[in-house]
Amino acid sequence: MKANIKTLYNLAATTSSVDIRQKGLLEEIHALVNASMANQKSQENAAVFKLPLCNADEIFQAELELIHDENMNNFKSSLARIGGLNFKDATRRALRNILSPEAAAMYSFAGRTKSSFRELRISKAIIDVISAEYCVTNKQVEQAIADTLKHSKSQKDMME
């Protein structure tokens, strides 16, 4: 009988110890989840890279950053917030936010006379976001990009 009481006492002490440890672990988990959520929100709000991109080196570095899905998704989220009156205006505004006039002047969409903008991940992000936000075809967005880049030499479209 004494052995049973001693066993019950030890079992109660062990259970109490487990409960205390379990509560401590739950508190640690909650703290980690809260810290992770705060970190995720700050990453979503942080720019993937500094805009506007001003030269070929900055564009190259941005392209390297956009290889990572998380960076691409954050970039697309920031593009979606730019908006515009219609898809052409949104495309022009996106390009103006992403590229300086000097950088835009280095590109044409197809790349026949200048560097090809079509091949950049930046281009793919713009096309994905604008076509989804404004329910237009990729071709329509591509044409809007081409038109904006064509006129970027005069910098008129980029600065308005």
N, C-alpha and C. Protein backbone atom coordinates (compact mmCIF):
# COMPACT_ATOMS: atom_id res chain seq x y z
N MET A 1 0.81 -1.18 0.00
CA MET A 1 0.00 0.00 0.00
C MET A 1 0.86 1.26 0.00
N LYS A 2 1.92 1.25 0.87
CA LYS A 2 2.83 2.38 0.90
C LYS A 2 3.50 2.57 -0.46
N ALA A 3 3.80 1.46 -1.11
CA ALA A 3 4.43 1.52 -2.43
C ALA A 3 3.50 2.19 -3.43
N ASN A 4 2.20 1.87 -3.35
CA ASN A 4 1.22 2.48 -4.26
C ASN A 4 1.10 3.98 -4.02
N ILE A 5 1.10 4.37 -2.74
CA ILE A 5 0.99 5.80 -2.40
C ILE A 5 2.24 6.54 -2.88
N LYS A 6 3.40 5.92 -2.68
CA LYS A 6 4.65 6.54 -3.13
C LYS A 6 4.65 6.66 -4.65
N THR A 7 4.18 5.64 -5.34
CA THR A 7 4.10 5.67 -6.80
C THR A 7 3.15 6.76 -7.26
N LEU A 8 2.00 6.86 -6.59
CA LEU A 8 1.04 7.92 -6.94
C LEU A 8 1.64 9.30 -6.69
N TYR A 9 2.37 9.46 -5.59
CA TYR A 9 3.00 10.73 -5.28
C TYR A 9 4.03 11.08 -6.36
N ASN A 10 4.86 10.11 -6.73
CA ASN A 10 5.85 10.34 -7.79
C ASN A 10 5.18 10.66 -9.12
N LEU A 11 4.10 9.96 -9.41
CA LEU A 11 3.36 10.20 -10.65
C LEU A 11 2.77 11.61 -10.67
N ALA A 12 2.23 12.04 -9.55
CA ALA A 12 1.66 13.39 -9.45
C ALA A 12 2.75 14.44 -9.62
N ALA A 13 3.91 14.20 -9.02
CA ALA A 13 5.02 15.15 -9.14
C ALA A 13 5.51 15.21 -10.59
N THR A 14 5.60 14.06 -11.23
CA THR A 14 6.03 14.01 -12.62
C THR A 14 5.02 14.72 -13.52
N THR A 15 3.74 14.48 -13.28
CA THR A 15 2.69 15.12 -14.07
C THR A 15 2.74 16.63 -13.91
N SER A 16 2.94 17.09 -12.69
CA SER A 16 3.04 18.52 -12.43
C SER A 16 4.24 19.11 -13.16
N SER A 17 5.34 18.40 -13.12
CA SER A 17 6.56 18.84 -13.81
C SER A 17 6.34 18.90 -15.32
N VAL A 18 5.65 17.91 -15.87
CA VAL A 18 5.34 17.88 -17.30
C VAL A 18 4.42 19.04 -17.67
N ASP A 19 3.41 19.31 -16.83
CA ASP A 19 2.49 20.42 -17.09
C ASP A 19 3.24 21.75 -17.13
N ILE A 20 4.15 21.94 -16.18
CA ILE A 20 4.92 23.19 -16.14
C ILE A 20 5.78 23.32 -17.40
N ARG A 21 6.43 22.23 -17.77
CA ARG A 21 7.28 22.25 -18.97
C ARG A 21 6.44 22.48 -20.22
N GLN A 22 5.26 21.85 -20.28
CA GLN A 22 4.37 22.01 -21.42
C GLN A 22 3.92 23.47 -21.55
N LYS A 23 3.57 24.09 -20.44
CA LYS A 23 3.17 25.50 -20.47
C LYS A 23 4.32 26.38 -20.96
N GLY A 24 5.51 26.07 -20.49
CA GLY A 24 6.69 26.83 -20.94
C GLY A 24 6.92 26.68 -22.43
N LEU A 25 6.78 25.46 -22.94
CA LEU A 25 6.95 25.22 -24.37
C LEU A 25 5.88 25.94 -25.19
N LEU A 26 4.64 25.93 -24.71
CA LEU A 26 3.56 26.63 -25.41
C LEU A 26 3.84 28.13 -25.46
N GLU A 27 4.34 28.69 -24.37
CA GLU A 27 4.68 30.11 -24.36
C GLU A 27 5.79 30.40 -25.37
N GLU A 28 6.79 29.53 -25.42
CA GLU A 28 7.87 29.71 -26.39
C GLU A 28 7.34 29.62 -27.83
N ILE A 29 6.46 28.68 -28.09
CA ILE A 29 5.87 28.53 -29.42
C ILE A 29 5.09 29.78 -29.80
N HIS A 30 4.27 30.29 -28.89
CA HIS A 30 3.50 31.51 -29.17
C HIS A 30 4.44 32.68 -29.46
N ALA A 31 5.51 32.80 -28.70
CA ALA A 31 6.46 33.89 -28.92
C ALA A 31 7.12 33.76 -30.29
N LEU A 32 7.50 32.54 -30.66
CA LEU A 32 8.11 32.31 -31.97
C LEU A 32 7.14 32.60 -33.11
N VAL A 33 5.90 32.18 -32.96
CA VAL A 33 4.89 32.44 -33.99
C VAL A 33 4.68 33.94 -34.15
N ASN A 34 4.54 34.66 -33.03
CA ASN A 34 4.36 36.11 -33.09
C ASN A 34 5.55 36.80 -33.73
N ALA A 35 6.76 36.38 -33.36
CA ALA A 35 7.97 36.97 -33.95
C ALA A 35 8.04 36.67 -35.44
N SER A 36 7.68 35.46 -35.82
CA SER A 36 7.68 35.09 -37.23
C SER A 36 6.68 35.91 -38.03
N MET A 37 5.50 36.11 -37.47
CA MET A 37 4.48 36.91 -38.16
C MET A 37 4.93 38.36 -38.30
N ALA A 38 5.55 38.92 -37.26
CA ALA A 38 6.05 40.29 -37.33
C ALA A 38 7.16 40.40 -38.37
N ASN A 39 8.04 39.41 -38.40
CA ASN A 39 9.12 39.39 -39.38
C ASN A 39 8.57 39.28 -40.79
N GLN A 40 7.57 38.44 -40.98
CA GLN A 40 6.96 38.27 -42.30
C GLN A 40 6.33 39.58 -42.77
N LYS A 41 5.63 40.27 -41.87
CA LYS A 41 5.00 41.55 -42.24
C LYS A 41 6.05 42.57 -42.60
N SER A 42 7.16 42.62 -41.86
CA SER A 42 8.20 43.60 -42.17
C SER A 42 8.87 43.26 -43.49
N GLN A 43 9.03 41.97 -43.80
CA GLN A 43 9.61 41.58 -45.08
C GLN A 43 8.68 41.92 -46.23
N GLU A 44 7.38 41.77 -46.03
CA GLU A 44 6.43 42.11 -47.08
C GLU A 44 6.47 43.61 -47.36
N ASN A 45 6.68 44.40 -46.32
CA ASN A 45 6.69 45.84 -46.48
C ASN A 45 8.04 46.35 -46.98
N ALA A 46 9.09 45.58 -46.76
CA ALA A 46 10.41 46.01 -47.18
C ALA A 46 10.57 45.84 -48.68
N ALA A 47 11.25 46.77 -49.29
CA ALA A 47 11.51 46.68 -50.72
C ALA A 47 12.54 45.59 -50.96
N VAL A 48 12.36 44.85 -52.04
CA VAL A 48 13.32 43.81 -52.40
C VAL A 48 14.62 44.48 -52.82
N PHE A 49 14.52 45.59 -53.54
CA PHE A 49 15.67 46.38 -53.96
C PHE A 49 15.22 47.82 -54.13
N LYS A 50 16.17 48.72 -54.18
CA LYS A 50 15.87 50.15 -54.24
C LYS A 50 15.39 50.52 -55.65
N LEU A 51 14.27 51.20 -55.70
CA LEU A 51 13.70 51.65 -56.97
C LEU A 51 13.71 53.17 -57.02
N PRO A 52 13.81 53.78 -58.17
CA PRO A 52 13.92 53.15 -59.48
C PRO A 52 15.33 52.64 -59.74
N LEU A 53 15.42 51.65 -60.61
CA LEU A 53 16.69 51.10 -61.04
C LEU A 53 17.29 52.08 -62.05
N CYS A 54 18.56 52.41 -61.87
CA CYS A 54 19.15 53.50 -62.66
C CYS A 54 20.15 53.06 -63.72
N ASN A 55 20.68 51.85 -63.62
CA ASN A 55 21.69 51.43 -64.60
C ASN A 55 21.65 49.92 -64.77
N ALA A 56 22.48 49.43 -65.68
CA ALA A 56 22.49 48.00 -66.01
C ALA A 56 22.88 47.15 -64.81
N ASP A 57 23.81 47.62 -63.99
CA ASP A 57 24.23 46.85 -62.81
C ASP A 57 23.08 46.67 -61.82
N GLU A 58 22.33 47.74 -61.58
CA GLU A 58 21.19 47.65 -60.66
C GLU A 58 20.11 46.73 -61.21
N ILE A 59 19.89 46.79 -62.51
CA ILE A 59 18.90 45.91 -63.14
C ILE A 59 19.35 44.46 -63.01
N PHE A 60 20.63 44.20 -63.25
CA PHE A 60 21.17 42.84 -63.13
C PHE A 60 21.00 42.32 -61.70
N GLN A 61 21.32 43.16 -60.71
CA GLN A 61 21.16 42.75 -59.31
C GLN A 61 19.70 42.47 -58.97
N ALA A 62 18.80 43.32 -59.48
CA ALA A 62 17.37 43.10 -59.25
C ALA A 62 16.92 41.78 -59.86
N GLU A 63 17.41 41.49 -61.06
CA GLU A 63 17.06 40.23 -61.71
C GLU A 63 17.53 39.03 -60.88
N LEU A 64 18.71 39.14 -60.29
CA LEU A 64 19.21 38.06 -59.43
C LEU A 64 18.31 37.89 -58.20
N GLU A 65 17.87 39.00 -57.62
CA GLU A 65 16.97 38.93 -56.46
C GLU A 65 15.64 38.28 -56.82
N LEU A 66 15.16 38.54 -58.03
CA LEU A 66 13.84 38.04 -58.44
C LEU A 66 13.85 36.55 -58.79
N ILE A 67 15.01 35.93 -58.77
CA ILE A 67 15.08 34.48 -58.96
C ILE A 67 14.35 33.78 -57.81
N HIS A 68 14.45 34.35 -56.62
CA HIS A 68 13.82 33.77 -55.42
C HIS A 68 12.33 34.06 -55.43
N ASP A 69 11.54 33.01 -55.26
CA ASP A 69 10.07 33.13 -55.31
C ASP A 69 9.54 34.16 -54.32
N GLU A 70 10.09 34.17 -53.12
CA GLU A 70 9.60 35.11 -52.10
C GLU A 70 9.81 36.55 -52.55
N ASN A 71 11.00 36.83 -53.10
CA ASN A 71 11.28 38.18 -53.59
C ASN A 71 10.37 38.54 -54.76
N MET A 72 10.15 37.58 -55.66
CA MET A 72 9.27 37.84 -56.80
C MET A 72 7.85 38.13 -56.31
N ASN A 73 7.36 37.35 -55.37
CA ASN A 73 6.01 37.58 -54.85
C ASN A 73 5.89 38.93 -54.16
N ASN A 74 6.91 39.32 -53.39
CA ASN A 74 6.91 40.64 -52.75
C ASN A 74 6.93 41.75 -53.79
N PHE A 75 7.72 41.55 -54.83
CA PHE A 75 7.81 42.54 -55.91
C PHE A 75 6.47 42.68 -56.62
N LYS A 76 5.83 41.54 -56.90
CA LYS A 76 4.52 41.58 -57.55
C LYS A 76 3.48 42.27 -56.66
N SER A 77 3.56 42.03 -55.37
CA SER A 77 2.63 42.69 -54.44
C SER A 77 2.81 44.20 -54.48
N SER A 78 4.06 44.64 -54.52
CA SER A 78 4.29 46.09 -54.58
C SER A 78 3.84 46.66 -55.91
N LEU A 79 3.99 45.91 -57.00
CA LEU A 79 3.50 46.37 -58.31
C LEU A 79 1.98 46.49 -58.31
N ALA A 80 1.31 45.56 -57.69
CA ALA A 80 -0.16 45.58 -57.67
C ALA A 80 -0.69 46.81 -56.94
N ARG A 81 0.09 47.34 -56.02
CA ARG A 81 -0.35 48.53 -55.27
C ARG A 81 -0.16 49.83 -56.05
N ILE A 82 0.57 49.81 -57.14
CA ILE A 82 0.83 51.04 -57.91
C ILE A 82 -0.45 51.53 -58.57
N GLY A 83 -1.17 50.63 -59.24
CA GLY A 83 -2.46 50.98 -59.84
C GLY A 83 -2.36 51.95 -61.00
N GLY A 84 -3.52 52.34 -61.49
CA GLY A 84 -3.63 53.27 -62.60
C GLY A 84 -5.06 53.38 -63.06
N LEU A 85 -5.33 54.32 -63.95
CA LEU A 85 -6.69 54.53 -64.45
C LEU A 85 -7.16 53.36 -65.30
N ASN A 86 -6.24 52.76 -66.04
CA ASN A 86 -6.52 51.60 -66.89
C ASN A 86 -5.22 50.81 -67.01
N PHE A 87 -5.23 49.73 -67.77
CA PHE A 87 -4.03 48.89 -67.82
C PHE A 87 -2.84 49.61 -68.45
N LYS A 88 -3.09 50.49 -69.43
CA LYS A 88 -1.98 51.22 -70.05
C LYS A 88 -1.36 52.19 -69.06
N ASP A 89 -2.20 52.89 -68.32
CA ASP A 89 -1.71 53.83 -67.31
C ASP A 89 -0.97 53.07 -66.20
N ALA A 90 -1.51 51.94 -65.78
CA ALA A 90 -0.86 51.14 -64.74
C ALA A 90 0.49 50.62 -65.22
N THR A 91 0.57 50.22 -66.48
CA THR A 91 1.83 49.74 -67.05
C THR A 91 2.86 50.86 -67.07
N ARG A 92 2.45 52.03 -67.55
CA ARG A 92 3.36 53.19 -67.60
C ARG A 92 3.82 53.57 -66.19
N ARG A 93 2.89 53.58 -65.24
CA ARG A 93 3.24 53.94 -63.86
C ARG A 93 4.18 52.90 -63.24
N ALA A 94 3.96 51.63 -63.54
CA ALA A 94 4.85 50.58 -63.02
C ALA A 94 6.26 50.77 -63.57
N LEU A 95 6.35 50.99 -64.88
CA LEU A 95 7.68 51.18 -65.48
C LEU A 95 8.36 52.42 -64.92
N ARG A 96 7.60 53.49 -64.72
CA ARG A 96 8.16 54.73 -64.18
C ARG A 96 8.69 54.50 -62.76
N ASN A 97 8.00 53.66 -61.99
CA ASN A 97 8.44 53.36 -60.63
C ASN A 97 9.65 52.43 -60.60
N ILE A 98 9.74 51.56 -61.59
CA ILE A 98 10.81 50.55 -61.60
C ILE A 98 12.09 51.06 -62.23
N LEU A 99 11.97 51.76 -63.36
CA LEU A 99 13.15 52.18 -64.13
C LEU A 99 13.27 53.70 -64.15
N SER A 100 14.50 54.18 -63.98
CA SER A 100 14.74 55.60 -64.20
C SER A 100 14.61 55.86 -65.70
N PRO A 101 14.42 57.10 -66.11
CA PRO A 101 14.34 57.39 -67.56
C PRO A 101 15.58 56.92 -68.32
N GLU A 102 16.74 57.06 -67.69
CA GLU A 102 17.98 56.63 -68.34
C GLU A 102 18.01 55.11 -68.52
N ALA A 103 17.56 54.39 -67.52
CA ALA A 103 17.54 52.92 -67.61
C ALA A 103 16.51 52.48 -68.64
N ALA A 104 15.35 53.12 -68.66
CA ALA A 104 14.30 52.76 -69.63
C ALA A 104 14.78 52.99 -71.05
N ALA A 105 15.60 54.02 -71.25
CA ALA A 105 16.09 54.33 -72.60
C ALA A 105 17.04 53.25 -73.13
N MET A 106 17.53 52.37 -72.26
CA MET A 106 18.43 51.29 -72.70
C MET A 106 17.67 50.10 -73.28
N TYR A 107 16.34 50.08 -73.15
CA TYR A 107 15.56 48.90 -73.51
C TYR A 107 14.50 49.19 -74.57
N SER A 108 14.26 48.15 -75.38
CA SER A 108 13.04 48.07 -76.18
C SER A 108 12.41 46.73 -75.79
N PHE A 109 11.14 46.57 -76.05
CA PHE A 109 10.50 45.35 -75.57
C PHE A 109 11.09 44.11 -76.24
N ALA A 110 11.16 44.13 -77.57
CA ALA A 110 11.64 42.96 -78.31
C ALA A 110 13.16 42.87 -78.34
N GLY A 111 13.84 44.00 -78.21
CA GLY A 111 15.30 43.97 -78.20
C GLY A 111 15.95 43.97 -79.56
N ARG A 112 15.28 44.46 -80.56
CA ARG A 112 15.89 44.49 -81.89
C ARG A 112 16.98 45.56 -81.98
N THR A 113 16.75 46.73 -81.40
CA THR A 113 17.73 47.81 -81.50
C THR A 113 18.42 48.10 -80.17
N LYS A 114 17.83 47.65 -79.08
CA LYS A 114 18.39 47.87 -77.73
C LYS A 114 18.34 46.55 -76.98
N SER A 115 18.63 46.58 -75.72
CA SER A 115 18.50 45.37 -74.90
C SER A 115 17.04 44.96 -74.80
N SER A 116 16.79 43.66 -74.72
CA SER A 116 15.42 43.14 -74.68
C SER A 116 14.84 43.20 -73.28
N PHE A 117 13.76 43.96 -73.13
CA PHE A 117 13.06 44.03 -71.85
C PHE A 117 12.21 42.77 -71.64
N ARG A 118 11.77 42.16 -72.72
CA ARG A 118 10.91 40.97 -72.67
C ARG A 118 11.55 39.84 -71.87
N GLU A 119 12.87 39.73 -71.95
CA GLU A 119 13.58 38.62 -71.32
C GLU A 119 13.78 38.80 -69.81
N LEU A 120 13.50 39.98 -69.29
CA LEU A 120 13.73 40.24 -67.87
C LEU A 120 12.61 39.68 -67.00
N ARG A 121 12.97 39.26 -65.80
CA ARG A 121 11.97 38.83 -64.81
C ARG A 121 11.07 40.00 -64.43
N ILE A 122 11.63 41.20 -64.46
CA ILE A 122 10.85 42.41 -64.17
C ILE A 122 9.69 42.50 -65.14
N SER A 123 9.95 42.24 -66.42
CA SER A 123 8.90 42.28 -67.44
C SER A 123 7.83 41.24 -67.16
N LYS A 124 8.26 40.04 -66.83
CA LYS A 124 7.29 38.97 -66.54
C LYS A 124 6.42 39.34 -65.34
N ALA A 125 7.00 39.97 -64.33
CA ALA A 125 6.23 40.39 -63.15
C ALA A 125 5.19 41.44 -63.53
N ILE A 126 5.60 42.42 -64.32
CA ILE A 126 4.66 43.47 -64.75
C ILE A 126 3.51 42.85 -65.54
N ILE A 127 3.84 41.98 -66.47
CA ILE A 127 2.81 41.34 -67.31
C ILE A 127 1.85 40.53 -66.45
N ASP A 128 2.38 39.73 -65.53
CA ASP A 128 1.53 38.91 -64.66
C ASP A 128 0.58 39.77 -63.83
N VAL A 129 1.12 40.81 -63.21
CA VAL A 129 0.31 41.63 -62.31
C VAL A 129 -0.73 42.44 -63.07
N ILE A 130 -0.32 43.13 -64.12
CA ILE A 130 -1.25 44.01 -64.85
C ILE A 130 -2.34 43.18 -65.53
N SER A 131 -1.96 42.06 -66.15
CA SER A 131 -2.98 41.24 -66.83
C SER A 131 -3.99 40.68 -65.83
N ALA A 132 -3.54 40.34 -64.63
CA ALA A 132 -4.46 39.82 -63.61
C ALA A 132 -5.33 40.93 -63.02
N GLU A 133 -4.72 42.07 -62.72
CA GLU A 133 -5.45 43.17 -62.08
C GLU A 133 -6.49 43.81 -63.00
N TYR A 134 -6.19 43.88 -64.29
CA TYR A 134 -7.07 44.60 -65.22
C TYR A 134 -7.79 43.67 -66.21
N CYS A 135 -7.66 42.36 -66.02
CA CYS A 135 -8.33 41.37 -66.87
C CYS A 135 -8.08 41.64 -68.35
N VAL A 136 -6.82 41.80 -68.69
CA VAL A 136 -6.42 41.98 -70.09
C VAL A 136 -5.44 40.87 -70.44
N THR A 137 -5.17 40.71 -71.73
CA THR A 137 -4.27 39.66 -72.17
C THR A 137 -2.81 40.07 -71.96
N ASN A 138 -1.96 39.08 -71.92
CA ASN A 138 -0.52 39.35 -71.84
C ASN A 138 -0.07 40.20 -73.02
N LYS A 139 -0.61 39.91 -74.19
CA LYS A 139 -0.24 40.64 -75.40
C LYS A 139 -0.55 42.13 -75.26
N GLN A 140 -1.70 42.47 -74.65
CA GLN A 140 -2.05 43.87 -74.46
C GLN A 140 -1.06 44.57 -73.52
N VAL A 141 -0.66 43.89 -72.48
CA VAL A 141 0.31 44.47 -71.55
C VAL A 141 1.67 44.58 -72.22
N GLU A 142 2.06 43.56 -72.98
CA GLU A 142 3.33 43.62 -73.72
C GLU A 142 3.36 44.81 -74.65
N GLN A 143 2.25 45.06 -75.35
CA GLN A 143 2.17 46.20 -76.26
C GLN A 143 2.28 47.52 -75.50
N ALA A 144 1.64 47.59 -74.33
CA ALA A 144 1.72 48.81 -73.51
C ALA A 144 3.16 49.04 -73.03
N ILE A 145 3.85 47.97 -72.67
CA ILE A 145 5.26 48.09 -72.27
C ILE A 145 6.09 48.58 -73.45
N ALA A 146 5.88 47.95 -74.62
CA ALA A 146 6.62 48.32 -75.82
C ALA A 146 6.41 49.80 -76.16
N ASP A 147 5.16 50.25 -76.10
CA ASP A 147 4.86 51.65 -76.40
C ASP A 147 5.53 52.60 -75.41
N THR A 148 5.48 52.25 -74.15
CA THR A 148 6.09 53.11 -73.12
C THR A 148 7.60 53.17 -73.30
N LEU A 149 8.22 52.02 -73.55
CA LEU A 149 9.68 52.01 -73.74
C LEU A 149 10.07 52.73 -75.02
N LYS A 150 9.26 52.62 -76.04
CA LYS A 150 9.55 53.29 -77.31
C LYS A 150 9.64 54.80 -77.11
N HIS A 151 8.78 55.33 -76.26
CA HIS A 151 8.76 56.77 -76.04
C HIS A 151 9.63 57.21 -74.87
N SER A 152 10.31 56.27 -74.24
CA SER A 152 11.12 56.64 -73.08
C SER A 152 12.36 57.42 -73.48
N LYS A 153 12.76 57.33 -74.75
CA LYS A 153 13.93 58.08 -75.21
C LYS A 153 13.70 59.57 -75.00
N SER A 154 12.48 60.01 -75.30
CA SER A 154 12.14 61.42 -75.08
C SER A 154 11.85 61.68 -73.61
N GLN A 155 11.68 60.61 -72.82
CA GLN A 155 11.39 60.67 -71.39
C GLN A 155 10.04 61.30 -71.09
N LYS A 156 9.28 61.63 -72.12
CA LYS A 156 7.99 62.29 -71.92
C LYS A 156 7.02 61.37 -71.18
N ASP A 157 6.87 60.13 -71.66
CA ASP A 157 5.92 59.20 -71.03
C ASP A 157 6.36 58.80 -69.63
N MET A 158 7.66 58.69 -69.43
CA MET A 158 8.16 58.24 -68.14
C MET A 158 7.99 59.32 -67.07
N MET A 159 8.02 60.58 -67.45
CA MET A 159 8.00 61.66 -66.47
C MET A 159 6.60 62.20 -66.20
N GLU A 160 5.63 61.93 -67.04
CA GLU A 160 4.28 62.47 -66.85
C GLU A 160 3.56 61.79 -65.73
